[in-house]
Amino acid sequence: MTLNASARLLSCQQVAGVLGISVRTFEKILAEGSGPTYFKIGNQRRWHPEDLDHWLGTRRSRRGVQRSSESHG
């Protein structure tokens, strides 16, 4: 990944806001090891928006969606 002038790294508070969850909930996700990839800069964690988008894509749920190959006997 290369950073350019338009690339912006997000803070924990910003990521939580984007996700619509509390910072505490986001920190729990991170503690479980199931959060998005981040950069460690000093003692701060920062997220690239593309990494957040990728992580969100892996979290999609298909609950309630029937597979077309299922038979309805």
Protein backbone atom coordinates (compact mmCIF):
# COMPACT_ATOMS: atom_id res chain seq x y z
CA MET A 1 0.00 0.00 0.00
CA THR A 2 1.23 3.47 -0.80
CA LEU A 3 -0.01 6.53 0.98
CA ASN A 4 -0.86 9.58 -1.06
CA ALA A 5 -1.93 13.06 -0.05
CA SER A 6 -5.62 12.12 -0.15
CA ALA A 7 -5.21 9.01 2.00
CA ARG A 8 -6.48 9.56 5.54
CA LEU A 9 -5.94 7.22 8.44
CA LEU A 10 -8.86 6.93 10.84
CA SER A 11 -8.74 6.92 14.63
CA CYS A 12 -10.57 4.42 16.84
CA GLN A 13 -13.27 7.01 17.50
CA GLN A 14 -13.71 7.70 13.80
CA VAL A 15 -13.95 4.01 12.90
CA ALA A 16 -16.51 3.43 15.65
CA GLY A 17 -18.50 6.38 14.29
CA VAL A 18 -18.39 5.01 10.74
CA LEU A 19 -19.60 1.64 12.03
CA GLY A 20 -22.29 3.23 14.18
CA ILE A 21 -21.07 1.52 17.34
CA SER A 22 -19.52 2.76 20.57
CA VAL A 23 -15.76 3.01 20.95
CA ARG A 24 -16.02 0.45 23.75
CA THR A 25 -17.75 -2.05 21.46
CA PHE A 26 -15.12 -1.51 18.78
CA GLU A 27 -12.36 -2.02 21.34
CA LYS A 28 -13.98 -5.33 22.35
CA ILE A 29 -13.94 -6.42 18.70
CA LEU A 30 -10.24 -5.55 18.56
CA ALA A 31 -9.51 -7.41 21.81
CA GLU A 32 -11.16 -10.52 20.32
CA GLY A 33 -8.78 -10.28 17.37
CA SER A 34 -11.60 -10.04 14.86
CA GLY A 35 -11.25 -6.37 13.93
CA PRO A 36 -9.87 -4.76 10.80
CA THR A 37 -6.15 -4.53 10.10
CA TYR A 38 -4.56 -1.43 11.58
CA PHE A 39 -1.33 0.53 11.69
CA LYS A 40 0.45 1.04 14.99
CA ILE A 41 1.95 4.54 15.15
CA GLY A 42 3.61 5.11 18.50
CA ASN A 43 0.97 4.04 20.99
CA GLN A 44 -1.90 4.85 18.62
CA ARG A 45 -3.80 2.56 16.25
CA ARG A 46 -4.94 3.93 12.89
CA TRP A 47 -7.06 2.40 10.14
CA HIS A 48 -6.90 2.95 6.41
CA PRO A 49 -10.39 3.31 4.91
CA GLU A 50 -9.65 0.58 2.33
CA ASP A 51 -8.77 -1.89 5.11
CA LEU A 52 -12.02 -1.01 6.87
CA ASP A 53 -13.98 -1.55 3.64
CA HIS A 54 -12.30 -4.93 3.14
CA TRP A 55 -13.06 -6.01 6.71
CA LEU A 56 -16.68 -4.95 6.37
CA GLY A 57 -16.94 -7.01 3.19
CA THR A 58 -15.84 -10.11 5.10
CA ARG A 59 -18.49 -9.51 7.78
CA ARG A 60 -21.54 -9.74 5.50
CA SER A 61 -24.25 -12.05 6.72
CA ARG A 62 -26.54 -14.08 4.52
CA ARG A 63 -29.04 -14.85 7.26
CA GLY A 64 -32.57 -15.20 6.00
CA VAL A 65 -31.46 -15.67 2.40
CA GLN A 66 -32.42 -19.02 0.92
CA ARG A 67 -30.06 -20.76 -1.41
CA SER A 68 -31.52 -21.37 -4.84
CA SER A 69 -30.19 -24.94 -4.79
CA GLU A 70 -32.30 -25.93 -1.76
CA SER A 71 -35.28 -28.13 -2.48
CA HIS A 72 -38.64 -27.30 -0.98
CA GLY A 73 -40.16 -30.78 -0.58
